[in-house]
Amino acid sequence: MPPTSRDALIAVADLLAPGAPEVGARAAAAHDDPAGYVQENAEQLDERGIDEPIPNLAWIALVDALADHELLAEVDWKEADDEIVARLRELGSSPADGWSWYAGPDEDGLPTYDFLQLAGENLAAEGTALAVLDIDSDCYPLVLLPVGQAAELVDLASAAGFTAAPLGLSD
């Protein structure tokens, strides 16, 4: 039997934040009581322009909880490559030695999406998947996880009703 959207959402949280059950609890709270979640988290949600329950509130709650636990880096759609790498290196899920491919800022400035694809390819070669948790915004909420778990992330996100997409991985 396939998991419920709530169960799949919590499974995504467990996959991306092992040992941090509060991440899943936050996403579940937004799923179970959207109005209460908005009221309790009004200040943080106001930064996103959210002042009432919206369809992807539980996914945004997951993104915010992962960021609060330094397991997600949110970058702008036109972020400089050195800033992207700096933010990803700060994540608790960042590989200790997966950044040797990065030589420094690209003077020609690859578009952000192209750079993220390149980063994903290079990180995957070292065993780490770079994935985006789509929140229908002009930013990229980015997570790092073992390559072998990328397909599971995609499947669980889909079962929860949301989109997660590995970057730079071949199908």
C-alpha atoms as a PDB file:
ATOM      1  CA  MET A   1       0.000   0.000   0.000  1.00  0.00           C
ATOM      2  CA  PRO A   2       1.497   3.406  -0.956  1.00  0.00           C
ATOM      3  CA  PRO A   3       2.202   5.818   1.872  1.00  0.00           C
ATOM      4  CA  THR A   4      -0.231   8.625   2.626  1.00  0.00           C
ATOM      5  CA  SER A   5       0.936  12.099   1.653  1.00  0.00           C
ATOM      6  CA  ARG A   6       1.552  12.835   5.341  1.00  0.00           C
ATOM      7  CA  ASP A   7       3.598   9.646   5.811  1.00  0.00           C
ATOM      8  CA  ALA A   8       5.589  10.382   2.645  1.00  0.00           C
ATOM      9  CA  LEU A   9       6.259  13.934   3.847  1.00  0.00           C
ATOM     10  CA  ILE A  10       7.603  12.627   7.163  1.00  0.00           C
ATOM     11  CA  ALA A  11       9.671  10.025   5.288  1.00  0.00           C
ATOM     12  CA  VAL A  12      11.266  12.834   3.237  1.00  0.00           C
ATOM     13  CA  ALA A  13      12.097  14.617   6.482  1.00  0.00           C
ATOM     14  CA  ASP A  14      13.587  11.423   7.953  1.00  0.00           C
ATOM     15  CA  LEU A  15      15.639  10.877   4.798  1.00  0.00           C
ATOM     16  CA  LEU A  16      17.059  14.418   4.739  1.00  0.00           C
ATOM     17  CA  ALA A  17      17.309  14.980   8.488  1.00  0.00           C
ATOM     18  CA  PRO A  18      18.116  11.644  10.110  1.00  0.00           C
ATOM     19  CA  GLY A  19      18.254  12.030  13.843  1.00  0.00           C
ATOM     20  CA  ALA A  20      16.217  15.271  13.813  1.00  0.00           C
ATOM     21  CA  PRO A  21      12.594  14.173  14.305  1.00  0.00           C
ATOM     22  CA  GLU A  22      11.554  17.785  14.894  1.00  0.00           C
ATOM     23  CA  VAL A  23      11.955  18.425  11.141  1.00  0.00           C
ATOM     24  CA  GLY A  24       9.284  15.863  10.327  1.00  0.00           C
ATOM     25  CA  ALA A  25       7.158  17.041  13.240  1.00  0.00           C
ATOM     26  CA  ARG A  26       7.153  20.584  11.859  1.00  0.00           C
ATOM     27  CA  ALA A  27       6.128  19.437   8.395  1.00  0.00           C
ATOM     28  CA  ALA A  28       3.441  17.210   9.896  1.00  0.00           C
ATOM     29  CA  ALA A  29       2.118  20.098  12.001  1.00  0.00           C
ATOM     30  CA  ALA A  30       1.720  22.229   8.873  1.00  0.00           C
ATOM     31  CA  HIS A  31       0.014  19.312   7.127  1.00  0.00           C
ATOM     32  CA  ASP A  32      -2.338  18.510  10.028  1.00  0.00           C
ATOM     33  CA  ASP A  33      -3.280  22.048  11.117  1.00  0.00           C
ATOM     34  CA  PRO A  34      -2.360  24.589   8.423  1.00  0.00           C
ATOM     35  CA  ALA A  35      -4.132  27.508  10.112  1.00  0.00           C
ATOM     36  CA  GLY A  36      -2.477  26.773  13.447  1.00  0.00           C
ATOM     37  CA  TYR A  37       0.907  26.418  11.777  1.00  0.00           C
ATOM     38  CA  VAL A  38       0.531  29.776  10.037  1.00  0.00           C
ATOM     39  CA  GLN A  39      -0.446  31.417  13.324  1.00  0.00           C
ATOM     40  CA  GLU A  40       2.435  29.850  15.276  1.00  0.00           C
ATOM     41  CA  ASN A  41       5.030  30.617  12.582  1.00  0.00           C
ATOM     42  CA  ALA A  42       3.691  33.953  11.343  1.00  0.00           C
ATOM     43  CA  GLU A  43       7.003  35.800  11.588  1.00  0.00           C
ATOM     44  CA  GLN A  44       9.008  33.256   9.568  1.00  0.00           C
ATOM     45  CA  LEU A  45       6.211  32.771   7.021  1.00  0.00           C
ATOM     46  CA  ASP A  46       5.822  36.531   6.613  1.00  0.00           C
ATOM     47  CA  GLU A  47       9.324  36.571   5.096  1.00  0.00           C
ATOM     48  CA  ARG A  48       7.874  34.385   2.326  1.00  0.00           C
ATOM     49  CA  GLY A  49       4.742  36.515   1.968  1.00  0.00           C
ATOM     50  CA  ILE A  50       2.555  33.791   3.489  1.00  0.00           C
ATOM     51  CA  ASP A  51      -0.163  34.926   5.869  1.00  0.00           C
ATOM     52  CA  GLU A  52      -2.725  32.168   5.391  1.00  0.00           C
ATOM     53  CA  PRO A  53      -2.684  28.447   4.633  1.00  0.00           C
ATOM     54  CA  ILE A  54      -1.596  27.609   1.079  1.00  0.00           C
ATOM     55  CA  PRO A  55      -1.533  24.236  -0.740  1.00  0.00           C
ATOM     56  CA  ASN A  56       2.230  23.652  -0.358  1.00  0.00           C
ATOM     57  CA  LEU A  57       2.487  24.880   3.254  1.00  0.00           C
ATOM     58  CA  ALA A  58       3.697  21.525   4.601  1.00  0.00           C
ATOM     59  CA  TRP A  59       6.477  21.427   1.961  1.00  0.00           C
ATOM     60  CA  ILE A  60       7.521  24.976   2.839  1.00  0.00           C
ATOM     61  CA  ALA A  61       7.476  24.013   6.522  1.00  0.00           C
ATOM     62  CA  LEU A  62       9.823  21.127   5.654  1.00  0.00           C
ATOM     63  CA  VAL A  63      12.125  23.457   3.696  1.00  0.00           C
ATOM     64  CA  ASP A  64      12.231  25.963   6.553  1.00  0.00           C
ATOM     65  CA  ALA A  65      12.847  23.248   9.156  1.00  0.00           C
ATOM     66  CA  LEU A  66      15.686  21.773   7.091  1.00  0.00           C
ATOM     67  CA  ALA A  67      17.214  25.248   6.715  1.00  0.00           C
ATOM     68  CA  ASP A  68      16.921  25.839  10.463  1.00  0.00           C
ATOM     69  CA  HIS A  69      18.865  22.601  10.995  1.00  0.00           C
ATOM     70  CA  GLU A  70      21.527  23.634   8.441  1.00  0.00           C
ATOM     71  CA  LEU A  71      20.514  20.838   6.071  1.00  0.00           C
ATOM     72  CA  LEU A  72      19.185  23.038   3.253  1.00  0.00           C
ATOM     73  CA  ALA A  73      20.625  26.062   1.472  1.00  0.00           C
ATOM     74  CA  GLU A  74      18.242  28.368  -0.345  1.00  0.00           C
ATOM     75  CA  VAL A  75      19.878  30.238  -3.223  1.00  0.00           C
ATOM     76  CA  ASP A  76      18.492  32.846  -5.571  1.00  0.00           C
ATOM     77  CA  TRP A  77      17.840  32.020  -9.238  1.00  0.00           C
ATOM     78  CA  LYS A  78      20.756  34.240 -10.195  1.00  0.00           C
ATOM     79  CA  GLU A  79      23.218  33.492  -7.387  1.00  0.00           C
ATOM     80  CA  ALA A  80      26.992  33.618  -7.973  1.00  0.00           C
ATOM     81  CA  ASP A  81      28.709  30.237  -8.065  1.00  0.00           C
ATOM     82  CA  ASP A  82      31.082  31.034  -5.202  1.00  0.00           C
ATOM     83  CA  GLU A  83      28.131  31.943  -2.961  1.00  0.00           C
ATOM     84  CA  ILE A  84      26.331  28.712  -3.876  1.00  0.00           C
ATOM     85  CA  VAL A  85      29.379  26.620  -3.037  1.00  0.00           C
ATOM     86  CA  ALA A  86      29.939  28.527   0.227  1.00  0.00           C
ATOM     87  CA  ARG A  87      26.347  27.884   1.331  1.00  0.00           C
ATOM     88  CA  LEU A  88      26.451  24.215   0.360  1.00  0.00           C
ATOM     89  CA  ARG A  89      29.763  23.680   2.164  1.00  0.00           C
ATOM     90  CA  GLU A  90      28.155  24.978   5.377  1.00  0.00           C
ATOM     91  CA  LEU A  91      25.468  22.298   5.376  1.00  0.00           C
ATOM     92  CA  GLY A  92      25.712  19.503   7.907  1.00  0.00           C
ATOM     93  CA  SER A  93      25.179  17.071   5.014  1.00  0.00           C
ATOM     94  CA  SER A  94      28.063  18.491   2.951  1.00  0.00           C
ATOM     95  CA  PRO A  95      30.757  16.000   1.987  1.00  0.00           C
ATOM     96  CA  ALA A  96      34.064  16.752   3.647  1.00  0.00           C
ATOM     97  CA  ASP A  97      36.086  16.231   0.487  1.00  0.00           C
ATOM     98  CA  GLY A  98      33.554  16.632  -2.327  1.00  0.00           C
ATOM     99  CA  TRP A  99      34.555  20.129  -3.380  1.00  0.00           C
ATOM    100  CA  SER A 100      37.977  19.641  -4.977  1.00  0.00           C
ATOM    101  CA  TRP A 101      36.402  20.060  -8.439  1.00  0.00           C
ATOM    102  CA  TYR A 102      35.499  23.683  -7.669  1.00  0.00           C
ATOM    103  CA  ALA A 103      38.407  25.981  -8.606  1.00  0.00           C
ATOM    104  CA  GLY A 104      36.735  29.276  -7.693  1.00  0.00           C
ATOM    105  CA  PRO A 105      34.413  31.862  -9.197  1.00  0.00           C
ATOM    106  CA  ASP A 106      33.774  31.575 -12.917  1.00  0.00           C
ATOM    107  CA  GLU A 107      34.610  34.911 -14.544  1.00  0.00           C
ATOM    108  CA  ASP A 108      32.114  34.216 -17.339  1.00  0.00           C
ATOM    109  CA  GLY A 109      29.443  33.472 -14.745  1.00  0.00           C
ATOM    110  CA  LEU A 110      27.488  30.392 -15.705  1.00  0.00           C
ATOM    111  CA  PRO A 111      23.745  30.861 -15.206  1.00  0.00           C
ATOM    112  CA  THR A 112      22.738  29.522 -11.795  1.00  0.00           C
ATOM    113  CA  TYR A 113      20.815  26.513 -13.100  1.00  0.00           C
ATOM    114  CA  ASP A 114      23.725  25.501 -15.346  1.00  0.00           C
ATOM    115  CA  PHE A 115      26.142  25.823 -12.442  1.00  0.00           C
ATOM    116  CA  LEU A 116      23.856  23.724 -10.233  1.00  0.00           C
ATOM    117  CA  GLN A 117      23.806  21.004 -12.909  1.00  0.00           C
ATOM    118  CA  LEU A 118      27.617  21.103 -13.057  1.00  0.00           C
ATOM    119  CA  ALA A 119      27.854  20.983  -9.257  1.00  0.00           C
ATOM    120  CA  GLY A 120      25.428  18.066  -9.184  1.00  0.00           C
ATOM    121  CA  GLU A 121      27.482  16.116 -11.733  1.00  0.00           C
ATOM    122  CA  ASN A 122      30.718  16.690  -9.832  1.00  0.00           C
ATOM    123  CA  LEU A 123      29.233  15.938  -6.421  1.00  0.00           C
ATOM    124  CA  ALA A 124      27.577  12.763  -7.757  1.00  0.00           C
ATOM    125  CA  ALA A 125      30.967  11.541  -8.958  1.00  0.00           C
ATOM    126  CA  GLU A 126      32.023  11.682  -5.298  1.00  0.00           C
ATOM    127  CA  GLY A 127      28.838   9.962  -4.042  1.00  0.00           C
ATOM    128  CA  THR A 128      26.699  12.953  -3.053  1.00  0.00           C
ATOM    129  CA  ALA A 129      23.499  14.004  -4.783  1.00  0.00           C
ATOM    130  CA  LEU A 130      22.486  17.656  -5.033  1.00  0.00           C
ATOM    131  CA  ALA A 131      18.711  18.057  -5.200  1.00  0.00           C
ATOM    132  CA  VAL A 132      16.247  20.913  -5.298  1.00  0.00           C
ATOM    133  CA  LEU A 133      12.990  20.863  -3.335  1.00  0.00           C
ATOM    134  CA  ASP A 134      10.668  22.825  -5.608  1.00  0.00           C
ATOM    135  CA  ILE A 135       8.530  25.385  -3.767  1.00  0.00           C
ATOM    136  CA  ASP A 136       7.234  27.219  -6.864  1.00  0.00           C
ATOM    137  CA  SER A 137       9.505  30.170  -6.225  1.00  0.00           C
ATOM    138  CA  ASP A 138      12.385  31.958  -7.929  1.00  0.00           C
ATOM    139  CA  CYS A 139      14.881  30.305  -5.610  1.00  0.00           C
ATOM    140  CA  TYR A 140      16.480  26.902  -5.330  1.00  0.00           C
ATOM    141  CA  PRO A 141      16.085  25.150  -1.946  1.00  0.00           C
ATOM    142  CA  LEU A 142      19.057  22.756  -2.159  1.00  0.00           C
ATOM    143  CA  VAL A 143      19.797  19.607  -0.186  1.00  0.00           C
ATOM    144  CA  LEU A 144      22.655  17.117  -0.229  1.00  0.00           C
ATOM    145  CA  LEU A 145      22.221  13.389   0.302  1.00  0.00           C
ATOM    146  CA  PRO A 146      23.887  10.127  -0.686  1.00  0.00           C
ATOM    147  CA  VAL A 147      23.504   9.438  -4.424  1.00  0.00           C
ATOM    148  CA  GLY A 148      21.880   6.098  -3.655  1.00  0.00           C
ATOM    149  CA  GLN A 149      18.984   7.880  -1.933  1.00  0.00           C
ATOM    150  CA  ALA A 150      18.182  10.380  -4.709  1.00  0.00           C
ATOM    151  CA  ALA A 151      15.533   8.215  -6.389  1.00  0.00           C
ATOM    152  CA  GLU A 152      13.904   7.542  -3.022  1.00  0.00           C
ATOM    153  CA  LEU A 153      13.741  11.290  -2.369  1.00  0.00           C
ATOM    154  CA  VAL A 154      12.034  11.864  -5.728  1.00  0.00           C
ATOM    155  CA  ASP A 155       9.541   9.060  -5.117  1.00  0.00           C
ATOM    156  CA  LEU A 156       8.699  10.128  -1.569  1.00  0.00           C
ATOM    157  CA  ALA A 157       8.314  13.786  -2.559  1.00  0.00           C
ATOM    158  CA  SER A 158       5.970  12.737  -5.360  1.00  0.00           C
ATOM    159  CA  ALA A 159       3.946  10.543  -2.986  1.00  0.00           C
ATOM    160  CA  ALA A 160       3.650  13.556  -0.672  1.00  0.00           C
ATOM    161  CA  GLY A 161       2.366  15.647  -3.589  1.00  0.00           C
ATOM    162  CA  PHE A 162       5.514  17.711  -4.120  1.00  0.00           C
ATOM    163  CA  THR A 163       8.591  17.803  -6.339  1.00  0.00           C
ATOM    164  CA  ALA A 164      12.213  17.026  -5.542  1.00  0.00           C
ATOM    165  CA  ALA A 165      14.675  16.888  -8.413  1.00  0.00           C
ATOM    166  CA  PRO A 166      18.300  15.749  -8.379  1.00  0.00           C
ATOM    167  CA  LEU A 167      20.597  18.041 -10.347  1.00  0.00           C
ATOM    168  CA  GLY A 168      23.292  16.747 -12.675  1.00  0.00           C
ATOM    169  CA  LEU A 169      22.354  13.078 -12.368  1.00  0.00           C
ATOM    170  CA  SER A 170      21.747  11.064 -15.517  1.00  0.00           C
ATOM    171  CA  ASP A 171      18.546   9.091 -15.613  1.00  0.00           C
END
